Amino acid sequence: MQVQGKLNEAEYTAYKVLLKTSRLKAVLNEKPPSKTQMVELPDPVGGCIVPHDLIESRKHPDVRIARRAATIANLAKVISERDVSVGLRIALRTQARRLLALAERRLSEVSGLPPDDQA
């Protein structure tokens, strides 16, 4: 099999695994990969590519909420100005769902109430 075919299978498998394990059952991917057979993936390799001080400044829940909202605003602006793919609109929905999850979690943290009792 050609290298591109193996890469396509690995990409599709990784996409399906991530989709299944995602809390929101969504993956930020403008275009889902083409369906192929599932393959065994190698063991994952972890690491950090973001400087520690940058992580520290961005990990506060309120900062994460603000950054996610800014991302949504930028994406909505692009969508309003161009003829975009359905995939980009799905990405906007996924970003909005992530924002909602962050906001609900943060509200629960500061209110002490479980998410269902916040209304």
PDB file of N, CA and C in Angstrom:
ATOM      1  N   MET A   1       0.842  -1.182   0.000  1.00  0.00           N
ATOM      2  CA  MET A   1       0.000   0.000   0.000  1.00  0.00           C
ATOM      3  C   MET A   1       0.885   1.242   0.000  1.00  0.00           C
ATOM      4  N   GLN A   2       0.440   2.249  -0.686  1.00  0.00           N
ATOM      5  CA  GLN A   2       1.188   3.489  -0.765  1.00  0.00           C
ATOM      6  C   GLN A   2       1.151   4.224   0.569  1.00  0.00           C
ATOM      7  N   VAL A   3       2.130   5.096   0.757  1.00  0.00           N
ATOM      8  CA  VAL A   3       2.228   5.871   1.989  1.00  0.00           C
ATOM      9  C   VAL A   3       0.959   6.701   2.198  1.00  0.00           C
ATOM     10  N   GLN A   4       0.454   7.337   1.145  1.00  0.00           N
ATOM     11  CA  GLN A   4      -0.746   8.174   1.281  1.00  0.00           C
ATOM     12  C   GLN A   4      -1.935   7.351   1.761  1.00  0.00           C
ATOM     13  N   GLY A   5      -2.068   6.137   1.271  1.00  0.00           N
ATOM     14  CA  GLY A   5      -3.160   5.267   1.708  1.00  0.00           C
ATOM     15  C   GLY A   5      -3.051   4.932   3.188  1.00  0.00           C
ATOM     16  N   LYS A   6      -1.838   4.651   3.656  1.00  0.00           N
ATOM     17  CA  LYS A   6      -1.619   4.360   5.080  1.00  0.00           C
ATOM     18  C   LYS A   6      -1.915   5.584   5.933  1.00  0.00           C
ATOM     19  N   LEU A   7      -1.508   6.752   5.446  1.00  0.00           N
ATOM     20  CA  LEU A   7      -1.794   7.988   6.176  1.00  0.00           C
ATOM     21  C   LEU A   7      -3.293   8.238   6.259  1.00  0.00           C
ATOM     22  N   ASN A   8      -4.002   8.009   5.171  1.00  0.00           N
ATOM     23  CA  ASN A   8      -5.456   8.185   5.163  1.00  0.00           C
ATOM     24  C   ASN A   8      -6.124   7.260   6.178  1.00  0.00           C
ATOM     25  N   GLU A   9      -5.669   6.014   6.246  1.00  0.00           N
ATOM     26  CA  GLU A   9      -6.230   5.066   7.210  1.00  0.00           C
ATOM     27  C   GLU A   9      -5.935   5.499   8.648  1.00  0.00           C
ATOM     28  N   ALA A  10      -4.728   5.957   8.887  1.00  0.00           N
ATOM     29  CA  ALA A  10      -4.359   6.415  10.228  1.00  0.00           C
ATOM     30  C   ALA A  10      -5.171   7.655  10.610  1.00  0.00           C
ATOM     31  N   GLU A  11      -5.334   8.570   9.660  1.00  0.00           N
ATOM     32  CA  GLU A  11      -6.109   9.785   9.938  1.00  0.00           C
ATOM     33  C   GLU A  11      -7.566   9.442  10.244  1.00  0.00           C
ATOM     34  N   TYR A  12      -8.143   8.564   9.443  1.00  0.00           N
ATOM     35  CA  TYR A  12      -9.536   8.179   9.657  1.00  0.00           C
ATOM     36  C   TYR A  12      -9.698   7.477  11.008  1.00  0.00           C
ATOM     37  N   THR A  13      -8.784   6.590  11.338  1.00  0.00           N
ATOM     38  CA  THR A  13      -8.848   5.871  12.610  1.00  0.00           C
ATOM     39  C   THR A  13      -8.722   6.840  13.776  1.00  0.00           C
ATOM     40  N   ALA A  14      -7.756   7.752  13.707  1.00  0.00           N
ATOM     41  CA  ALA A  14      -7.567   8.737  14.776  1.00  0.00           C
ATOM     42  C   ALA A  14      -8.823   9.603  14.922  1.00  0.00           C
ATOM     43  N   TYR A  15      -9.396  10.018  13.806  1.00  0.00           N
ATOM     44  CA  TYR A  15     -10.608  10.833  13.818  1.00  0.00           C
ATOM     45  C   TYR A  15     -11.745  10.095  14.523  1.00  0.00           C
ATOM     46  N   LYS A  16     -11.959   8.836  14.178  1.00  0.00           N
ATOM     47  CA  LYS A  16     -13.049   8.056  14.779  1.00  0.00           C
ATOM     48  C   LYS A  16     -12.820   7.831  16.275  1.00  0.00           C
ATOM     49  N   VAL A  17     -11.569   7.570  16.664  1.00  0.00           N
ATOM     50  CA  VAL A  17     -11.248   7.375  18.081  1.00  0.00           C
ATOM     51  C   VAL A  17     -11.503   8.670  18.853  1.00  0.00           C
ATOM     52  N   LEU A  18     -11.035   9.787  18.310  1.00  0.00           N
ATOM     53  CA  LEU A  18     -11.243  11.073  18.979  1.00  0.00           C
ATOM     54  C   LEU A  18     -12.719  11.429  19.062  1.00  0.00           C
ATOM     55  N   LEU A  19     -13.458  11.160  18.016  1.00  0.00           N
ATOM     56  CA  LEU A  19     -14.892  11.435  18.005  1.00  0.00           C
ATOM     57  C   LEU A  19     -15.601  10.632  19.086  1.00  0.00           C
ATOM     58  N   LYS A  20     -15.223   9.382  19.218  1.00  0.00           N
ATOM     59  CA  LYS A  20     -15.846   8.497  20.202  1.00  0.00           C
ATOM     60  C   LYS A  20     -15.506   8.901  21.637  1.00  0.00           C
ATOM     61  N   THR A  21     -14.297   9.389  21.866  1.00  0.00           N
ATOM     62  CA  THR A  21     -13.856   9.700  23.227  1.00  0.00           C
ATOM     63  C   THR A  21     -14.084  11.158  23.621  1.00  0.00           C
ATOM     64  N   SER A  22     -14.506  11.987  22.695  1.00  0.00           N
ATOM     65  CA  SER A  22     -14.740  13.397  22.976  1.00  0.00           C
ATOM     66  C   SER A  22     -15.949  13.582  23.881  1.00  0.00           C
ATOM     67  N   ARG A  23     -15.827  14.462  24.877  1.00  0.00           N
ATOM     68  CA  ARG A  23     -16.967  14.756  25.749  1.00  0.00           C
ATOM     69  C   ARG A  23     -18.137  15.322  24.957  1.00  0.00           C
ATOM     70  N   LEU A  24     -17.835  16.103  23.934  1.00  0.00           N
ATOM     71  CA  LEU A  24     -18.881  16.721  23.117  1.00  0.00           C
ATOM     72  C   LEU A  24     -19.235  15.896  21.890  1.00  0.00           C
ATOM     73  N   LYS A  25     -18.567  14.763  21.733  1.00  0.00           N
ATOM     74  CA  LYS A  25     -18.764  13.902  20.557  1.00  0.00           C
ATOM     75  C   LYS A  25     -18.553  14.695  19.268  1.00  0.00           C
ATOM     76  N   ALA A  26     -17.504  15.519  19.297  1.00  0.00           N
ATOM     77  CA  ALA A  26     -17.186  16.361  18.149  1.00  0.00           C
ATOM     78  C   ALA A  26     -15.676  16.560  18.078  1.00  0.00           C
ATOM     79  N   VAL A  27     -15.192  16.749  16.861  1.00  0.00           N
ATOM     80  CA  VAL A  27     -13.780  17.021  16.618  1.00  0.00           C
ATOM     81  C   VAL A  27     -13.715  18.263  15.745  1.00  0.00           C
ATOM     82  N   LEU A  28     -12.861  19.208  16.132  1.00  0.00           N
ATOM     83  CA  LEU A  28     -12.704  20.413  15.314  1.00  0.00           C
ATOM     84  C   LEU A  28     -11.893  20.061  14.079  1.00  0.00           C
ATOM     85  N   ASN A  29     -12.611  19.796  13.021  1.00  0.00           N
ATOM     86  CA  ASN A  29     -11.999  19.371  11.772  1.00  0.00           C
ATOM     87  C   ASN A  29     -12.910  19.870  10.659  1.00  0.00           C
ATOM     88  N   GLU A  30     -12.453  20.836   9.881  1.00  0.00           N
ATOM     89  CA  GLU A  30     -13.337  21.443   8.889  1.00  0.00           C
ATOM     90  C   GLU A  30     -13.913  20.419   7.925  1.00  0.00           C
ATOM     91  N   LYS A  31     -13.130  19.426   7.593  1.00  0.00           N
ATOM     92  CA  LYS A  31     -13.599  18.394   6.666  1.00  0.00           C
ATOM     93  C   LYS A  31     -13.229  17.021   7.237  1.00  0.00           C
ATOM     94  N   PRO A  32     -14.231  16.200   7.537  1.00  0.00           N
ATOM     95  CA  PRO A  32     -13.907  14.861   8.040  1.00  0.00           C
ATOM     96  C   PRO A  32     -13.087  14.084   7.007  1.00  0.00           C
ATOM     97  N   PRO A  33     -12.186  13.243   7.471  1.00  0.00           N
ATOM     98  CA  PRO A  33     -11.394  12.461   6.524  1.00  0.00           C
ATOM     99  C   PRO A  33     -12.254  11.447   5.778  1.00  0.00           C
ATOM    100  N   SER A  34     -11.792  11.051   4.628  1.00  0.00           N
ATOM    101  CA  SER A  34     -12.501  10.037   3.840  1.00  0.00           C
ATOM    102  C   SER A  34     -12.544   8.723   4.607  1.00  0.00           C
ATOM    103  N   LYS A  35     -13.671   8.032   4.481  1.00  0.00           N
ATOM    104  CA  LYS A  35     -13.839   6.759   5.173  1.00  0.00           C
ATOM    105  C   LYS A  35     -12.895   5.716   4.580  1.00  0.00           C
ATOM    106  N   THR A  36     -12.190   5.044   5.459  1.00  0.00           N
ATOM    107  CA  THR A  36     -11.294   3.954   5.078  1.00  0.00           C
ATOM    108  C   THR A  36     -11.483   2.840   6.093  1.00  0.00           C
ATOM    109  N   GLN A  37     -10.686   1.824   5.991  1.00  0.00           N
ATOM    110  CA  GLN A  37     -10.705   0.804   7.028  1.00  0.00           C
ATOM    111  C   GLN A  37      -9.986   1.344   8.260  1.00  0.00           C
ATOM    112  N   MET A  38     -10.373   0.841   9.419  1.00  0.00           N
ATOM    113  CA  MET A  38      -9.707   1.224  10.667  1.00  0.00           C
ATOM    114  C   MET A  38      -8.415   0.415  10.763  1.00  0.00           C
ATOM    115  N   VAL A  39      -7.390   1.037  11.315  1.00  0.00           N
ATOM    116  CA  VAL A  39      -6.104   0.375  11.486  1.00  0.00           C
ATOM    117  C   VAL A  39      -5.637   0.542  12.922  1.00  0.00           C
ATOM    118  N   GLU A  40      -4.687  -0.265  13.321  1.00  0.00           N
ATOM    119  CA  GLU A  40      -4.114  -0.122  14.647  1.00  0.00           C
ATOM    120  C   GLU A  40      -3.139   1.044  14.619  1.00  0.00           C
ATOM    121  N   LEU A  41      -3.305   1.930  15.589  1.00  0.00           N
ATOM    122  CA  LEU A  41      -2.431   3.096  15.671  1.00  0.00           C
ATOM    123  C   LEU A  41      -1.267   2.815  16.616  1.00  0.00           C
ATOM    124  N   PRO A  42      -0.144   3.474  16.402  1.00  0.00           N
ATOM    125  CA  PRO A  42       0.979   3.309  17.333  1.00  0.00           C
ATOM    126  C   PRO A  42       0.632   3.959  18.677  1.00  0.00           C
ATOM    127  N   ASP A  43       1.388   3.618  19.706  1.00  0.00           N
ATOM    128  CA  ASP A  43       1.183   4.235  21.010  1.00  0.00           C
ATOM    129  C   ASP A  43       1.387   5.743  20.883  1.00  0.00           C
ATOM    130  N   PRO A  44       0.537   6.524  21.568  1.00  0.00           N
ATOM    131  CA  PRO A  44       0.684   7.978  21.481  1.00  0.00           C
ATOM    132  C   PRO A  44       1.960   8.457  22.177  1.00  0.00           C
ATOM    133  N   VAL A  45       2.444   9.577  21.714  1.00  0.00           N
ATOM    134  CA  VAL A  45       3.607  10.222  22.314  1.00  0.00           C
ATOM    135  C   VAL A  45       3.141  11.571  22.831  1.00  0.00           C
ATOM    136  N   GLY A  46       3.396  11.866  24.083  1.00  0.00           N
ATOM    137  CA  GLY A  46       2.943  13.121  24.669  1.00  0.00           C
ATOM    138  C   GLY A  46       4.084  14.086  24.880  1.00  0.00           C
ATOM    139  N   GLY A  47       3.735  15.319  25.028  1.00  0.00           N
ATOM    140  CA  GLY A  47       4.721  16.345  25.291  1.00  0.00           C
ATOM    141  C   GLY A  47       4.038  17.693  25.306  1.00  0.00           C
ATOM    142  N   CYS A  48       4.785  18.705  25.607  1.00  0.00           N
ATOM    143  CA  CYS A  48       4.250  20.051  25.664  1.00  0.00           C
ATOM    144  C   CYS A  48       5.073  20.949  24.749  1.00  0.00           C
ATOM    145  N   ILE A  49       4.392  21.646  23.850  1.00  0.00           N
ATOM    146  CA  ILE A  49       5.102  22.534  22.936  1.00  0.00           C
ATOM    147  C   ILE A  49       4.860  24.004  23.285  1.00  0.00           C
ATOM    148  N   VAL A  50       3.994  24.242  24.280  1.00  0.00           N
ATOM    149  CA  VAL A  50       3.689  25.609  24.696  1.00  0.00           C
ATOM    150  C   VAL A  50       4.528  25.933  25.933  1.00  0.00           C
ATOM    151  N   PRO A  51       5.184  27.096  25.960  1.00  0.00           N
ATOM    152  CA  PRO A  51       5.980  27.469  27.131  1.00  0.00           C
ATOM    153  C   PRO A  51       5.133  27.486  28.407  1.00  0.00           C
ATOM    154  N   HIS A  52       5.741  27.073  29.507  1.00  0.00           N
ATOM    155  CA  HIS A  52       5.044  26.946  30.788  1.00  0.00           C
ATOM    156  C   HIS A  52       4.363  28.253  31.200  1.00  0.00           C
ATOM    157  N   ASP A  53       5.036  29.390  31.056  1.00  0.00           N
ATOM    158  CA  ASP A  53       4.444  30.658  31.486  1.00  0.00           C
ATOM    159  C   ASP A  53       3.219  31.015  30.644  1.00  0.00           C
ATOM    160  N   LEU A  54       3.217  30.630  29.396  1.00  0.00           N
ATOM    161  CA  LEU A  54       2.067  30.881  28.543  1.00  0.00           C
ATOM    162  C   LEU A  54       0.892  30.001  28.952  1.00  0.00           C
ATOM    163  N   ILE A  55       1.181  28.757  29.271  1.00  0.00           N
ATOM    164  CA  ILE A  55       0.129  27.853  29.754  1.00  0.00           C
ATOM    165  C   ILE A  55      -0.482  28.416  31.027  1.00  0.00           C
ATOM    166  N   GLU A  56       0.360  28.852  31.947  1.00  0.00           N
ATOM    167  CA  GLU A  56      -0.119  29.388  33.223  1.00  0.00           C
ATOM    168  C   GLU A  56      -1.039  30.581  33.015  1.00  0.00           C
ATOM    169  N   SER A  57      -0.692  31.465  32.082  1.00  0.00           N
ATOM    170  CA  SER A  57      -1.502  32.665  31.867  1.00  0.00           C
ATOM    171  C   SER A  57      -2.810  32.367  31.147  1.00  0.00           C
ATOM    172  N   ARG A  58      -2.891  31.253  30.460  1.00  0.00           N
ATOM    173  CA  ARG A  58      -4.092  30.945  29.669  1.00  0.00           C
ATOM    174  C   ARG A  58      -4.985  29.875  30.265  1.00  0.00           C
ATOM    175  N   LYS A  59      -4.581  29.248  31.356  1.00  0.00           N
ATOM    176  CA  LYS A  59      -5.374  28.129  31.843  1.00  0.00           C
ATOM    177  C   LYS A  59      -6.512  28.527  32.783  1.00  0.00           C
ATOM    178  N   HIS A  60      -6.536  29.770  33.241  1.00  0.00           N
ATOM    179  CA  HIS A  60      -7.626  30.200  34.111  1.00  0.00           C
ATOM    180  C   HIS A  60      -8.947  30.063  33.349  1.00  0.00           C
ATOM    181  N   PRO A  61      -9.971  29.508  33.988  1.00  0.00           N
ATOM    182  CA  PRO A  61     -11.238  29.265  33.289  1.00  0.00           C
ATOM    183  C   PRO A  61     -11.839  30.514  32.632  1.00  0.00           C
ATOM    184  N   ASP A  62     -11.750  31.666  33.282  1.00  0.00           N
ATOM    185  CA  ASP A  62     -12.326  32.876  32.701  1.00  0.00           C
ATOM    186  C   ASP A  62     -11.554  33.321  31.464  1.00  0.00           C
ATOM    187  N   VAL A  63     -10.249  33.119  31.455  1.00  0.00           N
ATOM    188  CA  VAL A  63      -9.437  33.438  30.273  1.00  0.00           C
ATOM    189  C   VAL A  63      -9.781  32.474  29.145  1.00  0.00           C
ATOM    190  N   ARG A  64      -9.944  31.204  29.480  1.00  0.00           N
ATOM    191  CA  ARG A  64     -10.310  30.219  28.459  1.00  0.00           C
ATOM    192  C   ARG A  64     -11.670  30.550  27.834  1.00  0.00           C
ATOM    193  N   ILE A  65     -12.625  30.982  28.661  1.00  0.00           N
ATOM    194  CA  ILE A  65     -13.944  31.365  28.154  1.00  0.00           C
ATOM    195  C   ILE A  65     -13.817  32.560  27.214  1.00  0.00           C
ATOM    196  N   ALA A  66     -13.056  33.568  27.621  1.00  0.00           N
ATOM    197  CA  ALA A  66     -12.887  34.760  26.790  1.00  0.00           C
ATOM    198  C   ALA A  66     -12.210  34.418  25.467  1.00  0.00           C
ATOM    199  N   ARG A  67     -11.184  33.583  25.505  1.00  0.00           N
ATOM    200  CA  ARG A  67     -10.483  33.202  24.277  1.00  0.00           C
ATOM    201  C   ARG A  67     -11.397  32.399  23.347  1.00  0.00           C
ATOM    202  N   ARG A  68     -12.198  31.507  23.909  1.00  0.00           N
ATOM    203  CA  ARG A  68     -13.121  30.713  23.098  1.00  0.00           C
ATOM    204  C   ARG A  68     -14.167  31.621  22.459  1.00  0.00           C
ATOM    205  N   ALA A  69     -14.686  32.589  23.224  1.00  0.00           N
ATOM    206  CA  ALA A  69     -15.674  33.523  22.675  1.00  0.00           C
ATOM    207  C   ALA A  69     -15.062  34.352  21.545  1.00  0.00           C
ATOM    208  N   ALA A  70     -13.821  34.765  21.695  1.00  0.00           N
ATOM    209  CA  ALA A  70     -13.144  35.527  20.637  1.00  0.00           C
ATOM    210  C   ALA A  70     -12.962  34.663  19.386  1.00  0.00           C
ATOM    211  N   THR A  71     -12.631  33.409  19.578  1.00  0.00           N
ATOM    212  CA  THR A  71     -12.493  32.489  18.447  1.00  0.00           C
ATOM    213  C   THR A  71     -13.825  32.356  17.707  1.00  0.00           C
ATOM    214  N   ILE A  72     -14.909  32.229  18.467  1.00  0.00           N
ATOM    215  CA  ILE A  72     -16.237  32.111  17.858  1.00  0.00           C
ATOM    216  C   ILE A  72     -16.574  33.376  17.078  1.00  0.00           C
ATOM    217  N   ALA A  73     -16.276  34.546  17.652  1.00  0.00           N
ATOM    218  CA  ALA A  73     -16.569  35.809  16.964  1.00  0.00           C
ATOM    219  C   ALA A  73     -15.784  35.905  15.657  1.00  0.00           C
ATOM    220  N   ASN A  74     -14.518  35.533  15.692  1.00  0.00           N
ATOM    221  CA  ASN A  74     -13.701  35.575  14.470  1.00  0.00           C
ATOM    222  C   ASN A  74     -14.218  34.605  13.416  1.00  0.00           C
ATOM    223  N   LEU A  75     -14.586  33.421  13.848  1.00  0.00           N
ATOM    224  CA  LEU A  75     -15.105  32.420  12.917  1.00  0.00           C
ATOM    225  C   LEU A  75     -16.437  32.869  12.317  1.00  0.00           C
ATOM    226  N   ALA A  76     -17.307  33.438  13.148  1.00  0.00           N
ATOM    227  CA  ALA A  76     -18.596  33.940  12.658  1.00  0.00           C
ATOM    228  C   ALA A  76     -18.388  35.076  11.649  1.00  0.00           C
ATOM    229  N   LYS A  77     -17.387  35.903  11.885  1.00  0.00           N
ATOM    230  CA  LYS A  77     -17.078  36.996  10.957  1.00  0.00           C
ATOM    231  C   LYS A  77     -16.659  36.432   9.601  1.00  0.00           C
ATOM    232  N   VAL A  78     -15.790  35.447   9.608  1.00  0.00           N
ATOM    233  CA  VAL A  78     -15.360  34.811   8.360  1.00  0.00           C
ATOM    234  C   VAL A  78     -16.559  34.221   7.629  1.00  0.00           C
ATOM    235  N   ILE A  79     -17.422  33.534   8.368  1.00  0.00           N
ATOM    236  CA  ILE A  79     -18.593  32.913   7.761  1.00  0.00           C
ATOM    237  C   ILE A  79     -19.518  33.964   7.151  1.00  0.00           C
ATOM    238  N   SER A  80     -19.655  35.101   7.828  1.00  0.00           N
ATOM    239  CA  SER A  80     -20.566  36.142   7.323  1.00  0.00           C
ATOM    240  C   SER A  80     -20.025  36.849   6.086  1.00  0.00           C
ATOM    241  N   GLU A  81     -18.731  36.786   5.883  1.00  0.00           N
ATOM    242  CA  GLU A  81     -18.104  37.520   4.776  1.00  0.00           C
ATOM    243  C   GLU A  81     -17.818  36.666   3.547  1.00  0.00           C
ATOM    244  N   ARG A  82     -17.914  35.364   3.681  1.00  0.00           N
ATOM    245  CA  ARG A  82     -17.526  34.485   2.580  1.00  0.00           C
ATOM    246  C   ARG A  82     -18.540  33.384   2.360  1.00  0.00           C
ATOM    247  N   ASP A  83     -18.418  32.750   1.214  1.00  0.00           N
ATOM    248  CA  ASP A  83     -19.181  31.542   0.925  1.00  0.00           C
ATOM    249  C   ASP A  83     -18.342  30.387   1.462  1.00  0.00           C
ATOM    250  N   VAL A  84     -18.737  29.843   2.587  1.00  0.00           N
ATOM    251  CA  VAL A  84     -17.911  28.850   3.273  1.00  0.00           C
ATOM    252  C   VAL A  84     -18.538  27.465   3.211  1.00  0.00           C
ATOM    253  N   SER A  85     -17.723  26.487   3.561  1.00  0.00           N
ATOM    254  CA  SER A  85     -18.161  25.092   3.552  1.00  0.00           C
ATOM    255  C   SER A  85     -19.068  24.790   4.747  1.00  0.00           C
ATOM    256  N   VAL A  86     -19.830  23.733   4.610  1.00  0.00           N
ATOM    257  CA  VAL A  86     -20.634  23.247   5.729  1.00  0.00           C
ATOM    258  C   VAL A  86     -19.712  22.901   6.892  1.00  0.00           C
ATOM    259  N   GLY A  87     -18.520  22.389   6.567  1.00  0.00           N
ATOM    260  CA  GLY A  87     -17.569  22.021   7.608  1.00  0.00           C
ATOM    261  C   GLY A  87     -17.190  23.186   8.499  1.00  0.00           C
ATOM    262  N   LEU A  88     -17.068  24.372   7.933  1.00  0.00           N
ATOM    263  CA  LEU A  88     -16.722  25.542   8.737  1.00  0.00           C
ATOM    264  C   LEU A  88     -17.887  25.910   9.657  1.00  0.00           C
ATOM    265  N   ARG A  89     -19.091  25.721   9.176  1.00  0.00           N
ATOM    266  CA  ARG A  89     -20.264  25.979  10.028  1.00  0.00           C
ATOM    267  C   ARG A  89     -20.362  24.935  11.147  1.00  0.00           C
ATOM    268  N   ILE A  90     -19.980  23.722  10.861  1.00  0.00           N
ATOM    269  CA  ILE A  90     -19.934  22.693  11.901  1.00  0.00           C
ATOM    270  C   ILE A  90     -18.865  23.048  12.933  1.00  0.00           C
ATOM    271  N   ALA A  91     -17.738  23.568  12.467  1.00  0.00           N
ATOM    272  CA  ALA A  91     -16.684  24.002  13.387  1.00  0.00           C
ATOM    273  C   ALA A  91     -17.189  25.112  14.303  1.00  0.00           C
ATOM    274  N   LEU A  92     -17.976  26.041  13.764  1.00  0.00           N
ATOM    275  CA  LEU A  92     -18.554  27.111  14.583  1.00  0.00           C
ATOM    276  C   LEU A  92     -19.467  26.528  15.654  1.00  0.00           C
ATOM    277  N   ARG A  93     -20.304  25.570  15.262  1.00  0.00           N
ATOM    278  CA  ARG A  93     -21.191  24.931  16.236  1.00  0.00           C
ATOM    279  C   ARG A  93     -20.388  24.209  17.317  1.00  0.00           C
ATOM    280  N   THR A  94     -19.346  23.523  16.911  1.00  0.00           N
ATOM    281  CA  THR A  94     -18.512  22.804  17.870  1.00  0.00           C
ATOM    282  C   THR A  94     -17.845  23.775  18.836  1.00  0.00           C
ATOM    283  N   GLN A  95     -17.338  24.889  18.315  1.00  0.00           N
ATOM    284  CA  GLN A  95     -16.727  25.902  19.179  1.00  0.00           C
ATOM    285  C   GLN A  95     -17.761  26.439  20.166  1.00  0.00           C
ATOM    286  N   ALA A  96     -18.988  26.667  19.701  1.00  0.00           N
ATOM    287  CA  ALA A  96     -20.040  27.180  20.583  1.00  0.00           C
ATOM    288  C   ALA A  96     -20.383  26.158  21.666  1.00  0.00           C
ATOM    289  N   ARG A  97     -20.416  24.897  21.311  1.00  0.00           N
ATOM    290  CA  ARG A  97     -20.680  23.852  22.306  1.00  0.00           C
ATOM    291  C   ARG A  97     -19.561  23.789  23.335  1.00  0.00           C
ATOM    292  N   ARG A  98     -18.319  23.983  22.881  1.00  0.00           N
ATOM    293  CA  ARG A  98     -17.190  23.991  23.816  1.00  0.00           C
ATOM    294  C   ARG A  98     -17.285  25.191  24.762  1.00  0.00           C
ATOM    295  N   LEU A  99     -17.689  26.350  24.219  1.00  0.00           N
ATOM    296  CA  LEU A  99     -17.872  27.539  25.052  1.00  0.00           C
ATOM    297  C   LEU A  99     -18.952  27.301  26.103  1.00  0.00           C
ATOM    298  N   LEU A 100     -20.062  26.724  25.692  1.00  0.00           N
ATOM    299  CA  LEU A 100     -21.141  26.423  26.632  1.00  0.00           C
ATOM    300  C   LEU A 100     -20.657  25.498  27.744  1.00  0.00           C
ATOM    301  N   ALA A 101     -19.917  24.468  27.386  1.00  0.00           N
ATOM    302  CA  ALA A 101     -19.409  23.533  28.397  1.00  0.00           C
ATOM    303  C   ALA A 101     -18.459  24.241  29.373  1.00  0.00           C
ATOM    304  N   LEU A 102     -17.576  25.093  28.846  1.00  0.00           N
ATOM    305  CA  LEU A 102     -16.664  25.851  29.717  1.00  0.00           C
ATOM    306  C   LEU A 102     -17.447  26.777  30.643  1.00  0.00           C
ATOM    307  N   ALA A 103     -18.432  27.491  30.103  1.00  0.00           N
ATOM    308  CA  ALA A 103     -19.215  28.436  30.896  1.00  0.00           C
ATOM    309  C   ALA A 103     -20.035  27.722  31.972  1.00  0.00           C
ATOM    310  N   GLU A 104     -20.624  26.593  31.626  1.00  0.00           N
ATOM    311  CA  GLU A 104     -21.392  25.834  32.616  1.00  0.00           C
ATOM    312  C   GLU A 104     -20.497  25.314  33.736  1.00  0.00           C
ATOM    313  N   ARG A 105     -19.333  24.804  33.368  1.00  0.00           N
ATOM    314  CA  ARG A 105     -18.392  24.302  34.371  1.00  0.00           C
ATOM    315  C   ARG A 105     -17.936  25.432  35.291  1.00  0.00           C
ATOM    316  N   ARG A 106     -17.637  26.594  34.708  1.00  0.00           N
ATOM    317  CA  ARG A 106     -17.172  27.733  35.511  1.00  0.00           C
ATOM    318  C   ARG A 106     -18.276  28.246  36.420  1.00  0.00           C
ATOM    319  N   LEU A 107     -19.493  28.349  35.912  1.00  0.00           N
ATOM    320  CA  LEU A 107     -20.611  28.793  36.737  1.00  0.00           C
ATOM    321  C   LEU A 107     -20.817  27.842  37.904  1.00  0.00           C
ATOM    322  N   SER A 108     -20.709  26.562  37.649  1.00  0.00           N
ATOM    323  CA  SER A 108     -20.842  25.573  38.710  1.00  0.00           C
ATOM    324  C   SER A 108     -19.747  25.753  39.764  1.00  0.00           C
ATOM    325  N   GLU A 109     -18.521  26.044  39.304  1.00  0.00           N
ATOM    326  CA  GLU A 109     -17.405  26.258  40.237  1.00  0.00           C
ATOM    327  C   GLU A 109     -17.660  27.455  41.148  1.00  0.00           C
ATOM    328  N   VAL A 110     -18.130  28.561  40.592  1.00  0.00           N
ATOM    329  CA  VAL A 110     -18.283  29.781  41.397  1.00  0.00           C
ATOM    330  C   VAL A 110     -19.590  29.819  42.179  1.00  0.00           C
ATOM    331  N   SER A 111     -20.614  29.100  41.694  1.00  0.00           N
ATOM    332  CA  SER A 111     -21.908  29.125  42.387  1.00  0.00           C
ATOM    333  C   SER A 111     -22.039  28.001  43.406  1.00  0.00           C
ATOM    334  N   GLY A 112     -21.279  26.936  43.201  1.00  0.00           N
ATOM    335  CA  GLY A 112     -21.395  25.783  44.064  1.00  0.00           C
ATOM    336  C   GLY A 112     -22.595  24.908  43.753  1.00  0.00           C
ATOM    337  N   LEU A 113     -23.353  25.293  42.744  1.00  0.00           N
ATOM    338  CA  LEU A 113     -24.532  24.528  42.363  1.00  0.00           C
ATOM    339  C   LEU A 113     -24.179  23.578  41.215  1.00  0.00           C
ATOM    340  N   PRO A 114     -24.815  22.411  41.192  1.00  0.00           N
ATOM    341  CA  PRO A 114     -24.598  21.519  40.043  1.00  0.00           C
ATOM    342  C   PRO A 114     -25.183  22.191  38.794  1.00  0.00           C
ATOM    343  N   PRO A 115     -24.670  21.851  37.604  1.00  0.00           N
ATOM    344  CA  PRO A 115     -25.127  22.489  36.378  1.00  0.00           C
ATOM    345  C   PRO A 115     -26.647  22.501  36.185  1.00  0.00           C
ATOM    346  N   ASP A 116     -27.352  21.471  36.607  1.00  0.00           N
ATOM    347  CA  ASP A 116     -28.798  21.407  36.400  1.00  0.00           C
ATOM    348  C   ASP A 116     -29.572  22.383  37.295  1.00  0.00           C
ATOM    349  N   ASP A 117     -28.943  22.874  38.380  1.00  0.00           N
ATOM    350  CA  ASP A 117     -29.642  23.745  39.336  1.00  0.00           C
ATOM    351  C   ASP A 117     -29.300  25.229  39.160  1.00  0.00           C
ATOM    352  N   GLN A 118     -28.711  25.597  38.030  1.00  0.00           N
ATOM    353  CA  GLN A 118     -28.237  26.961  37.883  1.00  0.00           C
ATOM    354  C   GLN A 118     -29.274  27.924  37.323  1.00  0.00           C
ATOM    355  N   ALA A 119     -30.352  27.431  36.797  1.00  0.00           N
ATOM    356  CA  ALA A 119     -31.337  28.298  36.139  1.00  0.00           C
ATOM    357  C   ALA A 119     -32.051  29.219  37.065  1.00  0.00           C
TER     358      ALA A 119
END
